[in-house]
Amino acid sequence: MTHRAQRVLVTGATSGIGSACARAFHRAGWQVVVTGRRQERLDDLRAELGCSTLCFDVRDFAATEAALADQGVFDVVLNNAGLSRGLEPIWQGSLDDWNEMLDTNVKGLLHVTRVLLPGMVEAGFGHVINIGSIAGHEAYPNGAVYCASKHAVLAITQSMRKDTCGTGVKVSTVDPGLVHTEFSLVRFHGDQERADSTYDGMTPLRGEDVAATVLWVAEAPAHVNVAEVLLLPNDQASAGIVARKGK
């Protein structure tokens, strides 16, 4: 008897945690479909992994629906697409930054889930894994809107798990602390020096660390649901407590 390869969709796969997850699932023998907004990076992933690619913006529901409607049922949907913009007191925040974070981190996750979850429920199997953040567990200064978006991800995940209980669909969240990716470079609008200072004197997680955890969650036995994972580097105890050498 032959077994079909399991299929995973990874959103926001053109960098960081997303691309690391795509590679981890590929190495584990999964059929991988990746999404993102940067076609050239998707092309690079396809050349490297032989995966399928879909270029669209999760903020746009019509584009999301058009791209995903004929994809069938995935064994795992990994809602990874997300970003942070800015790090300043709320009265100095940029409206454009706020809208980009909320539209991507919250509405983008909802768009993908709304398109794909009905098929999973009807089929009686599947697993939605959302990439959250320590910022979804505790707010920190100057991060009001990003923290709000990740608190929303945690609330959506917990509610979705209750909605799908008994359907055969699992729902999980993996919530990292400091991870050395393009995250800080995006947050600081390309300011490399400021981005690098985020990790001064400490050893952050790598995208590969998060990917290994996501794969472990995805490959748990069918009767096991790893509901929430808070994943921190050893140098970090909370959103605001980070051990830095020389500090």
C-alpha atoms as a PDB file:
ATOM      1  CA  MET A   1       0.000   0.000   0.000  1.00  0.00           C
ATOM      2  CA  THR A   2       1.371   3.411  -0.959  1.00  0.00           C
ATOM      3  CA  HIS A   3       0.861   6.516   1.147  1.00  0.00           C
ATOM      4  CA  ARG A   4       0.430   9.918  -0.413  1.00  0.00           C
ATOM      5  CA  ALA A   5       2.935  12.591   0.510  1.00  0.00           C
ATOM      6  CA  GLN A   6       1.565  15.123   2.940  1.00  0.00           C
ATOM      7  CA  ARG A   7       1.035  18.650   1.636  1.00  0.00           C
ATOM      8  CA  VAL A   8       1.897  21.884   3.432  1.00  0.00           C
ATOM      9  CA  LEU A   9       1.216  25.487   2.504  1.00  0.00           C
ATOM     10  CA  VAL A  10       3.709  28.030   3.883  1.00  0.00           C
ATOM     11  CA  THR A  11       2.731  31.691   3.609  1.00  0.00           C
ATOM     12  CA  GLY A  12       5.352  34.408   3.680  1.00  0.00           C
ATOM     13  CA  ALA A  13       8.006  31.926   2.593  1.00  0.00           C
ATOM     14  CA  THR A  14      10.383  34.284   0.816  1.00  0.00           C
ATOM     15  CA  SER A  15      12.599  34.914   3.860  1.00  0.00           C
ATOM     16  CA  GLY A  16      13.307  34.118   7.492  1.00  0.00           C
ATOM     17  CA  ILE A  17      11.098  31.668   9.336  1.00  0.00           C
ATOM     18  CA  GLY A  18       8.974  30.968   6.273  1.00  0.00           C
ATOM     19  CA  SER A  19      11.811  29.907   4.002  1.00  0.00           C
ATOM     20  CA  ALA A  20      13.376  27.871   6.824  1.00  0.00           C
ATOM     21  CA  CYS A  21      10.054  26.070   7.325  1.00  0.00           C
ATOM     22  CA  ALA A  22       9.732  25.372   3.602  1.00  0.00           C
ATOM     23  CA  ARG A  23      13.178  23.769   3.617  1.00  0.00           C
ATOM     24  CA  ALA A  24      12.469  21.754   6.783  1.00  0.00           C
ATOM     25  CA  PHE A  25       9.221  20.321   5.405  1.00  0.00           C
ATOM     26  CA  HIS A  26      10.913  19.568   2.078  1.00  0.00           C
ATOM     27  CA  ARG A  27      13.717  17.660   3.802  1.00  0.00           C
ATOM     28  CA  ALA A  28      11.098  15.687   5.724  1.00  0.00           C
ATOM     29  CA  GLY A  29       9.479  14.545   2.476  1.00  0.00           C
ATOM     30  CA  TRP A  30       6.439  16.798   2.395  1.00  0.00           C
ATOM     31  CA  GLN A  31       4.988  18.327  -0.767  1.00  0.00           C
ATOM     32  CA  VAL A  32       5.549  22.032  -0.237  1.00  0.00           C
ATOM     33  CA  VAL A  33       3.589  24.964  -1.646  1.00  0.00           C
ATOM     34  CA  VAL A  34       4.996  28.384  -0.789  1.00  0.00           C
ATOM     35  CA  THR A  35       3.500  31.845  -1.087  1.00  0.00           C
ATOM     36  CA  GLY A  36       4.911  35.332  -0.995  1.00  0.00           C
ATOM     37  CA  ARG A  37       4.922  38.727  -2.660  1.00  0.00           C
ATOM     38  CA  ARG A  38       8.414  38.567  -4.204  1.00  0.00           C
ATOM     39  CA  GLN A  39       8.335  36.487  -7.361  1.00  0.00           C
ATOM     40  CA  GLU A  40      12.121  36.332  -7.747  1.00  0.00           C
ATOM     41  CA  ARG A  41      12.547  34.818  -4.303  1.00  0.00           C
ATOM     42  CA  LEU A  42       9.763  32.347  -4.977  1.00  0.00           C
ATOM     43  CA  ASP A  43      11.559  31.392  -8.182  1.00  0.00           C
ATOM     44  CA  ASP A  44      14.740  30.784  -6.185  1.00  0.00           C
ATOM     45  CA  LEU A  45      12.876  28.513  -3.746  1.00  0.00           C
ATOM     46  CA  ARG A  46      11.282  26.593  -6.601  1.00  0.00           C
ATOM     47  CA  ALA A  47      14.710  26.066  -8.199  1.00  0.00           C
ATOM     48  CA  GLU A  48      16.156  24.924  -4.858  1.00  0.00           C
ATOM     49  CA  LEU A  49      13.341  22.717  -3.571  1.00  0.00           C
ATOM     50  CA  GLY A  50      11.221  21.874  -6.586  1.00  0.00           C
ATOM     51  CA  CYS A  51       8.232  23.244  -4.672  1.00  0.00           C
ATOM     52  CA  SER A  52       5.114  24.880  -6.059  1.00  0.00           C
ATOM     53  CA  THR A  53       4.869  28.661  -5.709  1.00  0.00           C
ATOM     54  CA  LEU A  54       2.013  31.150  -5.538  1.00  0.00           C
ATOM     55  CA  CYS A  55       2.715  34.871  -5.759  1.00  0.00           C
ATOM     56  CA  PHE A  56       0.075  37.037  -4.064  1.00  0.00           C
ATOM     57  CA  ASP A  57      -0.458  39.363  -1.107  1.00  0.00           C
ATOM     58  CA  VAL A  58      -2.400  37.838   1.789  1.00  0.00           C
ATOM     59  CA  ARG A  59      -3.762  41.308   2.603  1.00  0.00           C
ATOM     60  CA  ASP A  60      -5.840  41.125  -0.578  1.00  0.00           C
ATOM     61  CA  PHE A  61      -8.704  38.676  -0.010  1.00  0.00           C
ATOM     62  CA  ALA A  62      -9.705  38.487  -3.688  1.00  0.00           C
ATOM     63  CA  ALA A  63      -6.125  37.625  -4.678  1.00  0.00           C
ATOM     64  CA  THR A  64      -5.838  35.123  -1.820  1.00  0.00           C
ATOM     65  CA  GLU A  65      -9.073  33.408  -2.818  1.00  0.00           C
ATOM     66  CA  ALA A  66      -8.098  33.306  -6.484  1.00  0.00           C
ATOM     67  CA  ALA A  67      -4.699  31.784  -5.698  1.00  0.00           C
ATOM     68  CA  LEU A  68      -5.892  29.180  -3.183  1.00  0.00           C
ATOM     69  CA  ALA A  69      -9.410  28.219  -4.227  1.00  0.00           C
ATOM     70  CA  ASP A  70      -8.298  25.344  -6.463  1.00  0.00           C
ATOM     71  CA  GLN A  71      -5.491  24.052  -4.238  1.00  0.00           C
ATOM     72  CA  GLY A  72      -7.535  21.359  -2.523  1.00  0.00           C
ATOM     73  CA  VAL A  73      -7.057  20.302   1.080  1.00  0.00           C
ATOM     74  CA  PHE A  74      -3.671  20.741   2.726  1.00  0.00           C
ATOM     75  CA  ASP A  75      -2.507  18.581   5.597  1.00  0.00           C
ATOM     76  CA  VAL A  76      -0.912  21.657   7.148  1.00  0.00           C
ATOM     77  CA  VAL A  77      -1.563  25.350   6.566  1.00  0.00           C
ATOM     78  CA  LEU A  78       1.248  27.394   8.094  1.00  0.00           C
ATOM     79  CA  ASN A  79       0.161  31.002   8.537  1.00  0.00           C
ATOM     80  CA  ASN A  80       3.594  32.570   8.732  1.00  0.00           C
ATOM     81  CA  ALA A  81       3.220  35.792   6.736  1.00  0.00           C
ATOM     82  CA  GLY A  82       3.709  38.713   9.081  1.00  0.00           C
ATOM     83  CA  LEU A  83       5.885  41.698   9.908  1.00  0.00           C
ATOM     84  CA  SER A  84       6.566  44.524  12.319  1.00  0.00           C
ATOM     85  CA  ARG A  85       6.949  48.196  11.475  1.00  0.00           C
ATOM     86  CA  GLY A  86       8.346  50.833  13.794  1.00  0.00           C
ATOM     87  CA  LEU A  87       9.296  50.924  17.469  1.00  0.00           C
ATOM     88  CA  GLU A  88       8.128  54.176  18.993  1.00  0.00           C
ATOM     89  CA  PRO A  89       5.567  55.458  21.522  1.00  0.00           C
ATOM     90  CA  ILE A  90       2.021  55.057  20.259  1.00  0.00           C
ATOM     91  CA  TRP A  91       1.505  58.818  19.908  1.00  0.00           C
ATOM     92  CA  GLN A  92       4.379  58.894  17.412  1.00  0.00           C
ATOM     93  CA  GLY A  93       3.298  55.850  15.425  1.00  0.00           C
ATOM     94  CA  SER A  94       2.723  55.816  11.693  1.00  0.00           C
ATOM     95  CA  LEU A  95      -0.778  55.059  10.467  1.00  0.00           C
ATOM     96  CA  ASP A  96       0.672  53.366   7.401  1.00  0.00           C
ATOM     97  CA  ASP A  97       2.817  51.128   9.603  1.00  0.00           C
ATOM     98  CA  TRP A  98      -0.157  50.235  11.788  1.00  0.00           C
ATOM     99  CA  ASN A  99      -2.351  49.352   8.830  1.00  0.00           C
ATOM    100  CA  GLU A 100       0.369  47.233   7.233  1.00  0.00           C
ATOM    101  CA  MET A 101       0.855  45.227  10.448  1.00  0.00           C
ATOM    102  CA  LEU A 102      -2.838  44.706  11.127  1.00  0.00           C
ATOM    103  CA  ASP A 103      -3.677  43.935   7.502  1.00  0.00           C
ATOM    104  CA  THR A 104      -0.858  41.370   7.224  1.00  0.00           C
ATOM    105  CA  ASN A 105      -0.609  39.824  10.677  1.00  0.00           C
ATOM    106  CA  VAL A 106      -4.328  39.623  11.440  1.00  0.00           C
ATOM    107  CA  LYS A 107      -6.412  40.015   8.302  1.00  0.00           C
ATOM    108  CA  GLY A 108      -3.929  38.126   6.122  1.00  0.00           C
ATOM    109  CA  LEU A 109      -4.062  35.147   8.471  1.00  0.00           C
ATOM    110  CA  LEU A 110      -7.855  35.325   8.466  1.00  0.00           C
ATOM    111  CA  HIS A 111      -8.002  35.535   4.671  1.00  0.00           C
ATOM    112  CA  VAL A 112      -5.931  32.389   4.149  1.00  0.00           C
ATOM    113  CA  THR A 113      -7.787  30.524   6.881  1.00  0.00           C
ATOM    114  CA  ARG A 114     -11.212  31.520   5.567  1.00  0.00           C
ATOM    115  CA  VAL A 115     -10.375  30.129   2.121  1.00  0.00           C
ATOM    116  CA  LEU A 116      -8.771  26.847   3.212  1.00  0.00           C
ATOM    117  CA  LEU A 117     -10.325  25.860   6.534  1.00  0.00           C
ATOM    118  CA  PRO A 118     -13.794  24.916   5.158  1.00  0.00           C
ATOM    119  CA  GLY A 119     -12.252  22.208   2.982  1.00  0.00           C
ATOM    120  CA  MET A 120     -10.277  20.839   5.919  1.00  0.00           C
ATOM    121  CA  VAL A 121     -13.381  20.697   8.113  1.00  0.00           C
ATOM    122  CA  GLU A 122     -15.348  18.987   5.342  1.00  0.00           C
ATOM    123  CA  ALA A 123     -12.551  16.465   4.781  1.00  0.00           C
ATOM    124  CA  GLY A 124     -12.205  15.805   8.505  1.00  0.00           C
ATOM    125  CA  PHE A 125      -8.444  16.340   8.689  1.00  0.00           C
ATOM    126  CA  GLY A 126      -5.780  19.014   8.579  1.00  0.00           C
ATOM    127  CA  HIS A 127      -3.762  21.257  10.811  1.00  0.00           C
ATOM    128  CA  VAL A 128      -3.593  25.049  10.966  1.00  0.00           C
ATOM    129  CA  ILE A 129      -0.351  26.299  12.527  1.00  0.00           C
ATOM    130  CA  ASN A 130      -0.065  30.026  13.167  1.00  0.00           C
ATOM    131  CA  ILE A 131       3.227  31.779  13.784  1.00  0.00           C
ATOM    132  CA  GLY A 132       2.645  34.083  16.722  1.00  0.00           C
ATOM    133  CA  SER A 133       5.174  35.792  18.963  1.00  0.00           C
ATOM    134  CA  ILE A 134       6.140  36.371  22.557  1.00  0.00           C
ATOM    135  CA  ALA A 135       4.522  39.742  21.807  1.00  0.00           C
ATOM    136  CA  GLY A 136       1.221  37.876  21.795  1.00  0.00           C
ATOM    137  CA  HIS A 137       1.757  36.906  25.436  1.00  0.00           C
ATOM    138  CA  GLU A 138       3.026  40.200  26.839  1.00  0.00           C
ATOM    139  CA  ALA A 139       3.079  43.747  25.527  1.00  0.00           C
ATOM    140  CA  TYR A 140       6.243  45.828  25.580  1.00  0.00           C
ATOM    141  CA  PRO A 141       6.952  49.568  25.343  1.00  0.00           C
ATOM    142  CA  ASN A 142       6.776  51.160  21.889  1.00  0.00           C
ATOM    143  CA  GLY A 143       5.212  48.064  20.358  1.00  0.00           C
ATOM    144  CA  ALA A 144       1.510  48.635  20.980  1.00  0.00           C
ATOM    145  CA  VAL A 145       0.159  47.794  17.536  1.00  0.00           C
ATOM    146  CA  TYR A 146       2.525  44.922  16.759  1.00  0.00           C
ATOM    147  CA  CYS A 147       1.801  43.416  20.178  1.00  0.00           C
ATOM    148  CA  ALA A 148      -1.919  43.918  19.580  1.00  0.00           C
ATOM    149  CA  SER A 149      -1.663  42.089  16.267  1.00  0.00           C
ATOM    150  CA  LYS A 150       0.070  39.122  17.873  1.00  0.00           C
ATOM    151  CA  HIS A 151      -2.357  39.076  20.803  1.00  0.00           C
ATOM    152  CA  ALA A 152      -5.027  38.844  18.107  1.00  0.00           C
ATOM    153  CA  VAL A 153      -3.244  35.882  16.520  1.00  0.00           C
ATOM    154  CA  LEU A 154      -3.240  34.072  19.866  1.00  0.00           C
ATOM    155  CA  ALA A 155      -6.928  34.829  20.448  1.00  0.00           C
ATOM    156  CA  ILE A 156      -7.870  33.731  16.918  1.00  0.00           C
ATOM    157  CA  THR A 157      -5.885  30.521  17.361  1.00  0.00           C
ATOM    158  CA  GLN A 158      -7.513  29.687  20.687  1.00  0.00           C
ATOM    159  CA  SER A 159     -10.999  30.409  19.386  1.00  0.00           C
ATOM    160  CA  MET A 160     -10.377  28.497  16.156  1.00  0.00           C
ATOM    161  CA  ARG A 161      -9.261  25.474  18.163  1.00  0.00           C
ATOM    162  CA  LYS A 162     -12.562  25.548  20.018  1.00  0.00           C
ATOM    163  CA  ASP A 163     -14.533  26.022  16.797  1.00  0.00           C
ATOM    164  CA  THR A 164     -12.856  23.016  15.143  1.00  0.00           C
ATOM    165  CA  CYS A 165     -12.914  20.690  18.157  1.00  0.00           C
ATOM    166  CA  GLY A 166     -14.446  17.412  17.011  1.00  0.00           C
ATOM    167  CA  THR A 167     -13.920  18.077  13.302  1.00  0.00           C
ATOM    168  CA  GLY A 168     -10.572  16.286  13.029  1.00  0.00           C
ATOM    169  CA  VAL A 169      -8.742  19.560  12.356  1.00  0.00           C
ATOM    170  CA  LYS A 170      -5.928  20.586  14.696  1.00  0.00           C
ATOM    171  CA  VAL A 171      -5.002  24.197  15.472  1.00  0.00           C
ATOM    172  CA  SER A 172      -1.668  25.284  16.968  1.00  0.00           C
ATOM    173  CA  THR A 173       0.507  28.320  17.462  1.00  0.00           C
ATOM    174  CA  VAL A 174       4.306  28.575  17.647  1.00  0.00           C
ATOM    175  CA  ASP A 175       5.361  31.807  19.339  1.00  0.00           C
ATOM    176  CA  PRO A 176       9.050  32.747  19.068  1.00  0.00           C
ATOM    177  CA  GLY A 177      11.046  35.314  20.953  1.00  0.00           C
ATOM    178  CA  LEU A 178      14.041  37.006  19.320  1.00  0.00           C
ATOM    179  CA  VAL A 179      14.862  35.396  15.974  1.00  0.00           C
ATOM    180  CA  HIS A 180      17.661  36.680  13.731  1.00  0.00           C
ATOM    181  CA  THR A 181      15.891  37.149  10.384  1.00  0.00           C
ATOM    182  CA  GLU A 182      14.913  40.156   8.269  1.00  0.00           C
ATOM    183  CA  PHE A 183      12.330  40.973  10.977  1.00  0.00           C
ATOM    184  CA  SER A 184      14.256  43.860  12.560  1.00  0.00           C
ATOM    185  CA  LEU A 185      15.465  45.193   9.213  1.00  0.00           C
ATOM    186  CA  VAL A 186      11.829  45.410   8.096  1.00  0.00           C
ATOM    187  CA  ARG A 187      10.754  46.900  11.437  1.00  0.00           C
ATOM    188  CA  PHE A 188      13.327  49.676  11.110  1.00  0.00           C
ATOM    189  CA  HIS A 189      12.644  50.320   7.417  1.00  0.00           C
ATOM    190  CA  GLY A 190      16.019  49.130   6.192  1.00  0.00           C
ATOM    191  CA  ASP A 191      18.211  50.639   8.920  1.00  0.00           C
ATOM    192  CA  GLN A 192      20.803  47.848   9.111  1.00  0.00           C
ATOM    193  CA  GLU A 193      22.737  49.269  12.068  1.00  0.00           C
ATOM    194  CA  ARG A 194      19.621  49.619  14.195  1.00  0.00           C
ATOM    195  CA  ALA A 195      18.395  46.187  13.125  1.00  0.00           C
ATOM    196  CA  ASP A 196      21.703  44.566  14.095  1.00  0.00           C
ATOM    197  CA  SER A 197      21.625  46.237  17.519  1.00  0.00           C
ATOM    198  CA  THR A 198      18.521  44.190  18.360  1.00  0.00           C
ATOM    199  CA  TYR A 199      20.768  41.149  18.777  1.00  0.00           C
ATOM    200  CA  ASP A 200      23.830  42.823  20.332  1.00  0.00           C
ATOM    201  CA  GLY A 201      25.519  40.737  23.019  1.00  0.00           C
ATOM    202  CA  MET A 202      23.105  37.808  22.880  1.00  0.00           C
ATOM    203  CA  THR A 203      22.470  34.670  20.835  1.00  0.00           C
ATOM    204  CA  PRO A 204      19.035  34.793  19.204  1.00  0.00           C
ATOM    205  CA  LEU A 205      17.069  31.959  17.697  1.00  0.00           C
ATOM    206  CA  ARG A 206      17.571  31.157  14.028  1.00  0.00           C
ATOM    207  CA  GLY A 207      14.833  30.583  11.520  1.00  0.00           C
ATOM    208  CA  GLU A 208      15.903  26.939  11.479  1.00  0.00           C
ATOM    209  CA  ASP A 209      15.172  26.619  15.209  1.00  0.00           C
ATOM    210  CA  VAL A 210      11.607  27.774  14.689  1.00  0.00           C
ATOM    211  CA  ALA A 211      11.250  25.540  11.630  1.00  0.00           C
ATOM    212  CA  ALA A 212      12.336  22.465  13.579  1.00  0.00           C
ATOM    213  CA  THR A 213       9.689  23.249  16.194  1.00  0.00           C
ATOM    214  CA  VAL A 214       6.977  23.795  13.576  1.00  0.00           C
ATOM    215  CA  LEU A 215       7.827  20.478  11.922  1.00  0.00           C
ATOM    216  CA  TRP A 216       7.688  18.713  15.302  1.00  0.00           C
ATOM    217  CA  VAL A 217       4.239  20.205  15.933  1.00  0.00           C
ATOM    218  CA  ALA A 218       3.071  19.194  12.449  1.00  0.00           C
ATOM    219  CA  GLU A 219       4.347  15.624  12.733  1.00  0.00           C
ATOM    220  CA  ALA A 220       2.866  14.848  16.149  1.00  0.00           C
ATOM    221  CA  PRO A 221       0.601  11.766  16.134  1.00  0.00           C
ATOM    222  CA  ALA A 222      -2.942  12.344  14.911  1.00  0.00           C
ATOM    223  CA  HIS A 223      -4.370  12.180  18.451  1.00  0.00           C
ATOM    224  CA  VAL A 224      -1.861  14.747  19.766  1.00  0.00           C
ATOM    225  CA  ASN A 225      -2.309  18.493  19.315  1.00  0.00           C
ATOM    226  CA  VAL A 226       0.584  20.651  20.481  1.00  0.00           C
ATOM    227  CA  ALA A 227      -1.636  23.645  21.113  1.00  0.00           C
ATOM    228  CA  GLU A 228       0.882  26.385  21.965  1.00  0.00           C
ATOM    229  CA  VAL A 229       4.674  26.586  21.976  1.00  0.00           C
ATOM    230  CA  LEU A 230       6.536  29.592  23.409  1.00  0.00           C
ATOM    231  CA  LEU A 231      10.051  29.313  21.970  1.00  0.00           C
ATOM    232  CA  LEU A 232      12.786  31.534  23.408  1.00  0.00           C
ATOM    233  CA  PRO A 233      16.538  31.790  23.035  1.00  0.00           C
ATOM    234  CA  ASN A 234      18.342  30.907  26.229  1.00  0.00           C
ATOM    235  CA  ASP A 235      19.430  34.549  26.578  1.00  0.00           C
ATOM    236  CA  GLN A 236      15.804  35.733  26.719  1.00  0.00           C
ATOM    237  CA  ALA A 237      13.428  35.292  29.670  1.00  0.00           C
ATOM    238  CA  SER A 238      10.596  37.576  28.550  1.00  0.00           C
ATOM    239  CA  ALA A 239       9.824  40.277  26.016  1.00  0.00           C
ATOM    240  CA  GLY A 240      11.824  42.772  28.080  1.00  0.00           C
ATOM    241  CA  ILE A 241      14.422  40.625  29.821  1.00  0.00           C
ATOM    242  CA  VAL A 242      17.372  39.733  27.608  1.00  0.00           C
ATOM    243  CA  ALA A 243      20.845  38.844  28.888  1.00  0.00           C
ATOM    244  CA  ARG A 244      23.467  40.702  26.886  1.00  0.00           C
ATOM    245  CA  LYS A 245      27.194  40.224  27.339  1.00  0.00           C
ATOM    246  CA  GLY A 246      28.884  43.396  28.460  1.00  0.00           C
ATOM    247  CA  LYS A 247      25.592  44.982  29.494  1.00  0.00           C
END
